[in-house]
């Protein structure tokens, strides 16, 4: 008998697509924008751009710097990054071959995952984690493995780290200062991570995008500076936060040439190059802005941190005071709702202040009584948000 069954359609989604959902950060930003609220959800960082950076980018556009650059970025910017790494950390990277200008630190991670990791490999991350790190790894069919940090002070459990390493582990991904917790890993903690990396012959991928956002005399430790770590460390960072140009999508990668060359290939394949004229803008910032720019940046954001910490306490949303970055996780137990996502929407409806569900940064079932707030905002908007939060004098009902 002939087979009369209709052939199965070849039009279907990939294995990855059905499990994808919109980022809770983006969802809350859209909900906040729809009601004209104050968005403390997304790390947009709408503080003013340095005039030196802004004017150099505009001048570059007018001077015709509008075509493709080399796949690893303009030489001026690569040289400026090399000088910065030597100045700040005593790390020597060659502008030719060891520095890649990327379309954001996120693109740098994507290129690193493409170049260094295989499907089925495992990468250790610390929880609470940044969701884009996890999603990027999953998109490469790499398995994220989570090591929870201690509740309250987010201290590292070295025994838990050691227990998480298996024969499939290829790398540890460290974000310091961290999003969303604001944790700055101490020298002792960083040394413990380095010890595990060296013992098990792993890569260390570091996201150091908030390197200049440190408070209360905390110090950012660059893990690549520790003995034996430079050649196996992949540094991801960028300019979105430091220069308040999140929409420019400019980051960089520093790594040994043997690792960087394939990363540059995959970055070229996906993005071709980072925005050319804008590279001149941030190069100007690196070259011309004085050391006081970075200390003032930290002092300004510490002031913003103090204001929102006070407002959250007055609102009964007890915050965990961050040592770095520009986010705060706050206890939202007093808000109605079974999940953090529901609590965030209750708060938005009651105050017009957008936040992000803490569950976006934890494994399923955790973080449901936490909300994340971003305080890298213009003072007028931040102060208005604080004023609105203080109106939460009574338990909020949906």
Protein backbone atom coordinates (compact mmCIF):
# COMPACT_ATOMS: atom_id res chain seq x y z
CA UNK A 1 0.00 0.00 0.00
CA UNK A 2 1.38 3.46 -0.83
CA UNK A 3 2.11 5.78 2.08
CA UNK A 4 -0.52 8.52 1.85
CA UNK A 5 0.40 10.27 5.10
CA UNK A 6 1.16 13.94 4.68
CA UNK A 7 4.88 14.65 4.99
CA UNK A 8 5.98 16.40 8.15
CA UNK A 9 6.54 20.09 7.62
CA UNK A 10 10.10 21.32 7.58
CA UNK A 11 8.94 24.69 8.80
CA UNK A 12 9.55 24.72 12.54
CA UNK A 13 11.46 26.60 15.23
CA UNK A 14 14.95 25.66 16.38
CA UNK A 15 15.41 23.57 19.51
CA UNK A 16 16.35 26.75 21.38
CA UNK A 17 13.52 29.04 20.33
CA UNK A 18 10.50 27.48 22.13
CA UNK A 19 12.18 27.97 25.52
CA UNK A 20 12.99 31.61 25.00
CA UNK A 21 11.06 34.35 26.76
CA UNK A 22 11.44 38.09 26.77
CA UNK A 23 13.92 39.35 29.34
CA UNK A 24 12.08 40.44 32.50
CA UNK A 25 14.28 43.54 32.45
CA UNK A 26 13.01 44.48 28.99
CA UNK A 27 9.43 43.55 29.88
CA UNK A 28 9.44 45.85 32.91
CA UNK A 29 11.03 48.65 30.91
CA UNK A 30 8.23 48.40 28.37
CA UNK A 31 5.57 48.32 31.09
CA UNK A 32 7.14 51.34 32.79
CA UNK A 33 7.39 53.28 29.53
CA UNK A 34 3.75 52.47 28.70
CA UNK A 35 2.56 54.27 31.84
CA UNK A 36 5.13 57.06 31.72
CA UNK A 37 6.83 55.87 34.89
CA UNK A 38 10.40 56.27 36.15
CA UNK A 39 12.45 53.36 34.90
CA UNK A 40 14.78 52.02 37.59
CA UNK A 41 14.47 48.60 36.01
CA UNK A 42 16.90 48.59 33.10
CA UNK A 43 20.53 49.63 33.55
CA UNK A 44 20.08 52.41 31.01
CA UNK A 45 22.44 54.83 32.79
CA UNK A 46 21.05 58.11 31.48
CA UNK A 47 23.53 60.33 33.32
CA UNK A 48 25.19 63.01 31.13
CA UNK A 49 27.84 62.02 28.58
CA UNK A 50 31.24 63.70 28.92
CA UNK A 51 31.47 66.55 26.41
CA UNK A 52 34.91 65.31 25.32
CA UNK A 53 33.48 61.91 24.37
CA UNK A 54 30.37 63.35 22.75
CA UNK A 55 32.12 66.01 20.68
CA UNK A 56 34.83 63.62 19.47
CA UNK A 57 32.18 61.21 18.17
CA UNK A 58 30.33 64.00 16.38
CA UNK A 59 33.58 65.27 14.88
CA UNK A 60 34.43 61.75 13.69
CA UNK A 61 31.10 61.49 11.88
CA UNK A 62 31.65 64.84 10.20
CA UNK A 63 35.22 63.85 9.29
CA UNK A 64 33.95 60.80 7.41
CA UNK A 65 34.76 58.07 9.95
CA UNK A 66 31.64 56.22 8.88
CA UNK A 67 32.91 53.12 7.12
CA UNK A 68 33.93 49.68 8.34
CA UNK A 69 36.92 49.55 10.64
CA UNK A 70 39.27 46.62 11.03
CA UNK A 71 37.48 43.67 12.56
CA UNK A 72 39.25 44.31 15.89
CA UNK A 73 38.62 48.06 15.98
CA UNK A 74 40.54 51.24 15.20
CA UNK A 75 44.19 51.32 16.26
CA UNK A 76 43.67 54.50 18.25
CA UNK A 77 41.14 52.85 20.53
CA UNK A 78 43.08 49.60 20.87
CA UNK A 79 46.13 51.59 21.90
CA UNK A 80 44.10 53.60 24.41
CA UNK A 81 42.70 50.39 25.94
CA UNK A 82 46.24 48.98 26.24
CA UNK A 83 47.39 52.14 28.03
CA UNK A 84 44.38 52.00 30.36
CA UNK A 85 45.00 48.37 31.33
CA UNK A 86 48.67 49.10 32.05
CA UNK A 87 47.80 52.25 34.01
CA UNK A 88 45.05 50.75 36.13
CA UNK A 89 46.26 47.19 36.68
CA UNK A 90 49.80 46.84 35.42
CA UNK A 91 48.54 44.45 32.73
CA UNK A 92 50.33 44.49 29.39
CA UNK A 93 48.27 43.70 26.29
CA UNK A 94 49.46 44.22 22.74
CA UNK A 95 47.11 46.44 20.70
CA UNK A 96 47.91 44.23 17.72
CA UNK A 97 46.51 40.80 18.52
CA UNK A 98 45.44 40.93 22.17
CA UNK A 99 42.67 43.56 22.17
CA UNK A 100 39.33 43.36 20.37
CA UNK A 101 36.91 46.29 20.21
CA UNK A 102 33.50 44.63 20.40
CA UNK A 103 29.91 45.71 19.85
CA UNK A 104 29.40 45.83 23.59
CA UNK A 105 30.71 43.53 26.31
CA UNK A 106 27.77 41.26 25.50
CA UNK A 107 29.14 40.77 21.99
CA UNK A 108 32.53 40.07 23.52
CA UNK A 109 31.05 37.25 25.59
CA UNK A 110 29.25 35.88 22.55
CA UNK A 111 32.50 35.83 20.57
CA UNK A 112 34.36 34.19 23.47
CA UNK A 113 31.72 31.48 23.80
CA UNK A 114 31.81 30.81 20.05
CA UNK A 115 35.61 30.59 20.02
CA UNK A 116 36.33 28.69 23.24
CA UNK A 117 33.34 26.56 24.21
CA UNK A 118 31.59 23.53 22.73
CA UNK A 119 28.01 22.27 23.14
CA UNK A 120 27.79 20.28 26.33
CA UNK A 121 30.60 22.14 28.08
CA UNK A 122 29.85 23.57 31.52
CA UNK A 123 30.58 27.09 32.77
CA UNK A 124 30.28 28.05 36.43
CA UNK A 125 28.51 31.29 37.35
CA UNK A 126 27.77 32.84 40.72
CA UNK A 127 24.18 33.39 41.83
CA UNK A 128 22.60 35.93 41.73
CA UNK A 129 23.69 36.12 38.10
CA UNK A 130 23.21 38.44 35.15
CA UNK A 131 20.61 36.86 32.89
CA UNK A 132 22.34 37.74 29.64
CA UNK A 133 25.39 35.75 30.71
CA UNK A 134 23.22 32.70 31.21
CA UNK A 135 21.20 33.22 28.02
CA UNK A 136 24.33 33.68 25.92
CA UNK A 137 25.79 30.40 27.16
CA UNK A 138 22.54 28.57 26.60
CA UNK A 139 22.34 29.93 23.06
CA UNK A 140 25.69 28.20 22.45
CA UNK A 141 24.26 25.02 24.00
CA UNK A 142 26.72 25.42 26.86
CA UNK A 143 25.43 24.43 30.30
CA UNK A 144 25.52 27.09 33.04
CA UNK A 145 26.23 25.71 36.51
CA UNK A 146 25.32 27.94 39.44
CA UNK A 147 27.17 28.47 42.71
CA UNK A 148 24.91 30.42 45.08
CA UNK A 149 26.50 33.20 47.10
CA UNK A 150 25.52 33.61 50.75
CA UNK A 151 22.29 35.46 51.44
CA UNK A 152 22.81 38.93 52.83
CA UNK A 153 26.50 39.62 52.21
CA UNK A 154 26.88 37.47 49.06
CA UNK A 155 30.06 35.85 50.40
CA UNK A 156 31.67 33.13 48.30
CA UNK A 157 31.43 29.54 49.55
CA UNK A 158 34.70 28.03 48.30
CA UNK A 159 33.55 24.51 49.13
CA UNK A 160 30.45 24.99 46.97
CA UNK A 161 32.67 26.27 44.15
CA UNK A 162 34.93 23.22 44.34
CA UNK A 163 31.91 20.88 44.43
CA UNK A 164 30.46 22.45 41.27
CA UNK A 165 33.50 21.62 39.12
CA UNK A 166 33.15 18.47 37.02
CA UNK A 167 34.99 16.83 34.15
CA UNK A 168 32.84 18.92 31.79
CA UNK A 169 33.71 22.29 33.34
CA UNK A 170 35.63 24.51 30.91
CA UNK A 171 35.39 27.95 32.50
CA UNK A 172 34.28 30.11 35.39
CA UNK A 173 32.45 33.35 34.54
CA UNK A 174 33.06 36.04 37.14
CA UNK A 175 31.22 39.39 37.19
CA UNK A 176 32.85 41.86 39.58
CA UNK A 177 31.58 44.38 40.58
CA UNK A 178 28.46 42.35 40.04
CA UNK A 179 25.05 42.89 38.51
CA UNK A 180 22.54 42.63 40.25
CA UNK A 181 24.02 42.34 43.75
CA UNK A 182 26.68 45.03 43.61
CA UNK A 183 29.11 42.57 45.15
CA UNK A 184 32.80 43.34 44.79
CA UNK A 185 34.74 40.10 45.12
CA UNK A 186 37.50 40.44 47.71
CA UNK A 187 41.14 39.60 47.12
CA UNK A 188 40.76 36.40 49.15
CA UNK A 189 37.69 35.35 47.16
CA UNK A 190 39.38 36.16 43.85
CA UNK A 191 42.43 34.17 44.89
CA UNK A 192 40.20 31.19 45.75
CA UNK A 193 38.60 31.36 42.31
CA UNK A 194 42.03 31.62 40.68
CA UNK A 195 43.20 28.60 42.65
CA UNK A 196 40.27 26.55 41.35
CA UNK A 197 40.91 27.74 37.80
CA UNK A 198 44.58 26.77 37.93
CA UNK A 199 43.98 23.45 39.67
CA UNK A 200 41.42 22.32 37.10
CA UNK A 201 42.99 23.99 34.02
CA UNK A 202 40.02 26.24 33.26
CA UNK A 203 39.41 29.53 31.51
CA UNK A 204 38.34 32.49 33.63
CA UNK A 205 35.97 34.86 31.82
CA UNK A 206 35.64 38.14 33.69
CA UNK A 207 32.97 40.77 33.15
CA UNK A 208 34.50 43.95 34.60
CA UNK A 209 32.15 46.49 33.05
CA UNK A 210 31.53 48.18 36.45
CA UNK A 211 35.20 48.42 37.36
CA UNK A 212 35.03 52.13 38.26
CA UNK A 213 31.79 51.89 40.26
CA UNK A 214 33.14 50.98 43.70
CA UNK A 215 32.15 52.51 47.04
CA UNK A 216 33.20 52.79 50.70
CA UNK A 217 36.88 52.28 49.86
CA UNK A 218 36.20 48.96 48.14
CA UNK A 219 38.74 48.01 45.46
CA UNK A 220 38.20 46.21 42.19
CA UNK A 221 40.61 43.30 41.83
CA UNK A 222 41.41 42.41 38.22
CA UNK A 223 41.78 38.61 38.34
CA UNK A 224 44.25 38.59 35.45
CA UNK A 225 46.77 40.27 37.77
CA UNK A 226 47.03 37.19 39.99
CA UNK A 227 49.94 34.76 39.45
CA UNK A 228 49.42 32.39 36.52
CA UNK A 229 46.09 33.94 35.50
CA UNK A 230 46.76 36.37 32.65
CA UNK A 231 47.08 33.83 29.81
CA UNK A 232 43.87 31.99 30.76
CA UNK A 233 41.74 35.03 31.62
CA UNK A 234 39.36 36.57 29.08
CA UNK A 235 38.62 40.14 30.16
CA UNK A 236 35.31 41.65 29.04
CA UNK A 237 34.61 45.31 29.67
CA UNK A 238 33.44 48.41 27.88
CA UNK A 239 32.35 52.02 27.89
CA UNK A 240 28.56 51.85 28.21
CA UNK A 241 28.58 52.44 31.95
CA UNK A 242 31.73 54.51 32.47
CA UNK A 243 30.91 57.05 29.76
CA UNK A 244 27.08 56.72 29.96
CA UNK A 245 26.76 55.57 26.35
CA UNK A 246 24.81 52.32 26.67
CA UNK A 247 23.24 52.83 23.25
CA UNK A 248 26.60 53.10 21.50
CA UNK A 249 27.30 49.37 22.00
CA UNK A 250 31.04 49.60 22.52
CA UNK A 251 33.01 47.11 24.59
CA UNK A 252 36.28 45.27 24.39
CA UNK A 253 38.04 41.99 25.07
CA UNK A 254 41.59 41.55 26.33
CA UNK A 255 43.12 38.09 26.02
CA UNK A 256 46.14 36.16 24.87
CA UNK A 257 46.53 36.26 21.08
CA UNK A 258 45.92 32.52 20.74
CA UNK A 259 42.44 33.00 22.21
CA UNK A 260 41.67 36.44 20.81
CA UNK A 261 42.24 35.66 17.12
CA UNK A 262 39.29 33.22 16.85
CA UNK A 263 37.14 35.55 18.95
CA UNK A 264 37.81 38.34 16.48
CA UNK A 265 36.79 36.02 13.65
CA UNK A 266 33.43 35.22 15.25
CA UNK A 267 32.83 38.85 16.20
CA UNK A 268 33.46 39.81 12.57
CA UNK A 269 31.10 37.08 11.40
CA UNK A 270 28.29 38.36 13.63
CA UNK A 271 28.84 42.13 13.86
CA UNK A 272 31.52 42.96 11.22
CA UNK A 273 32.87 45.72 13.48
CA UNK A 274 31.88 48.04 16.28
CA UNK A 275 30.43 51.46 15.28
CA UNK A 276 33.35 53.30 13.71
CA UNK A 277 32.78 56.97 14.56
CA UNK A 278 31.78 56.14 18.11
CA UNK A 279 35.08 54.36 18.63
CA UNK A 280 36.79 57.72 18.20
CA UNK A 281 34.53 59.21 20.85
CA UNK A 282 35.44 56.73 23.56
CA UNK A 283 39.11 56.79 22.51
CA UNK A 284 39.04 60.53 23.21
CA UNK A 285 37.62 59.82 26.64
CA UNK A 286 40.32 57.28 27.47
CA UNK A 287 43.06 59.59 26.21
CA UNK A 288 41.94 62.93 27.61
CA UNK A 289 39.80 62.49 30.73
CA UNK A 290 41.81 62.96 33.95
CA UNK A 291 41.94 60.47 36.85
CA UNK A 292 39.51 62.72 38.73
CA UNK A 293 36.83 61.77 36.19
CA UNK A 294 36.80 58.20 37.52
CA UNK A 295 36.95 59.12 41.21
CA UNK A 296 34.18 61.68 40.70
CA UNK A 297 32.14 59.02 38.90
CA UNK A 298 32.34 56.73 41.92
CA UNK A 299 31.61 59.54 44.37
CA UNK A 300 28.59 60.71 42.38
CA UNK A 301 27.11 57.23 42.24
CA UNK A 302 27.81 56.63 45.92
CA UNK A 303 25.70 59.72 46.61
CA UNK A 304 22.95 58.32 44.39
CA UNK A 305 23.23 55.00 46.23
CA UNK A 306 22.77 56.69 49.61
CA UNK A 307 19.64 58.47 48.44
CA UNK A 308 17.90 55.40 47.12
CA UNK A 309 19.01 53.25 50.08
CA UNK A 310 17.35 55.78 52.39
CA UNK A 311 14.17 55.86 50.31
CA UNK A 312 13.91 52.08 50.13
CA UNK A 313 14.31 51.79 53.89
CA UNK A 314 11.61 54.41 54.43
CA UNK A 315 9.38 52.45 52.07
CA UNK A 316 9.84 49.24 54.03
CA UNK A 317 11.78 47.65 51.16
CA UNK A 318 14.95 46.76 53.06
CA UNK A 319 17.92 47.05 50.68
CA UNK A 320 21.16 45.12 50.52
CA UNK A 321 23.70 47.97 50.30
CA UNK A 322 26.00 47.32 47.31
CA UNK A 323 29.77 47.79 47.43
CA UNK A 324 29.90 48.36 43.68
CA UNK A 325 28.03 48.61 40.36
CA UNK A 326 24.82 50.66 40.38
CA UNK A 327 22.05 48.26 41.35
CA UNK A 328 20.34 47.43 44.61
CA UNK A 329 18.48 44.27 45.55
CA UNK A 330 15.71 45.08 48.04
CA UNK A 331 13.38 42.91 50.10
CA UNK A 332 9.89 43.22 48.64
CA UNK A 333 8.12 40.92 51.11
CA UNK A 334 5.69 43.67 52.10
CA UNK A 335 4.28 43.91 48.57
CA UNK A 336 1.36 41.75 47.50
CA UNK A 337 1.93 39.07 44.90
CA UNK A 338 3.08 35.47 44.83
CA UNK A 339 6.05 36.16 42.60
CA UNK A 340 8.62 38.90 42.28
CA UNK A 341 7.30 39.73 38.82
CA UNK A 342 3.86 40.35 40.32
CA UNK A 343 5.38 42.43 43.13
CA UNK A 344 7.27 44.56 40.60
CA UNK A 345 4.06 45.29 38.76
CA UNK A 346 2.23 46.10 42.00
CA UNK A 347 4.95 48.59 42.87
CA UNK A 348 4.83 50.09 39.38
CA UNK A 349 1.06 50.54 39.57
CA UNK A 350 1.26 52.09 43.05
CA UNK A 351 4.19 54.45 42.52
CA UNK A 352 5.08 54.64 38.85
CA UNK A 353 8.58 53.36 39.69
CA UNK A 354 9.86 50.47 37.57
CA UNK A 355 11.98 47.71 39.08
CA UNK A 356 12.99 44.20 38.05
CA UNK A 357 11.87 40.93 39.62
CA UNK A 358 14.68 39.42 41.64
CA UNK A 359 13.77 36.03 40.22
CA UNK A 360 15.36 37.15 36.93
CA UNK A 361 18.75 36.70 38.59
CA UNK A 362 18.24 33.39 40.36
CA UNK A 363 17.44 29.79 39.60
CA UNK A 364 13.75 28.90 39.50
CA UNK A 365 12.05 29.28 42.86
CA UNK A 366 14.53 31.78 44.27
CA UNK A 367 14.53 35.57 44.45
CA UNK A 368 10.75 35.83 44.59
CA UNK A 369 10.84 38.37 47.43
CA UNK A 370 13.48 40.58 45.85
CA UNK A 371 13.35 43.53 43.46
CA UNK A 372 16.31 45.14 41.69
CA UNK A 373 16.59 48.91 41.32
CA UNK A 374 19.07 50.79 39.11
CA UNK A 375 20.28 54.12 40.53
CA UNK A 376 22.41 55.33 37.60
CA UNK A 377 19.85 58.00 36.78
CA UNK A 378 19.73 61.76 36.40
CA UNK A 379 19.37 63.33 39.82
CA UNK A 380 15.99 64.85 39.05
CA UNK A 381 14.56 61.46 38.05
CA UNK A 382 16.21 59.57 40.90
CA UNK A 383 14.99 62.05 43.49
CA UNK A 384 11.45 61.89 42.09
CA UNK A 385 11.60 58.07 42.22
CA UNK A 386 12.76 58.26 45.85
CA UNK A 387 9.91 60.60 46.69
CA UNK A 388 7.40 58.21 45.13
CA UNK A 389 8.85 55.19 46.91
CA UNK A 390 8.50 56.95 50.28
CA UNK A 391 4.74 57.07 49.74
CA UNK A 392 4.60 53.33 50.46
CA UNK A 393 3.62 53.92 54.07
CA UNK A 394 1.02 51.16 54.22
CA UNK A 395 1.06 47.60 52.81
CA UNK A 396 0.35 47.75 49.11
CA UNK A 397 -2.52 45.70 47.77
CA UNK A 398 -2.89 44.67 44.13
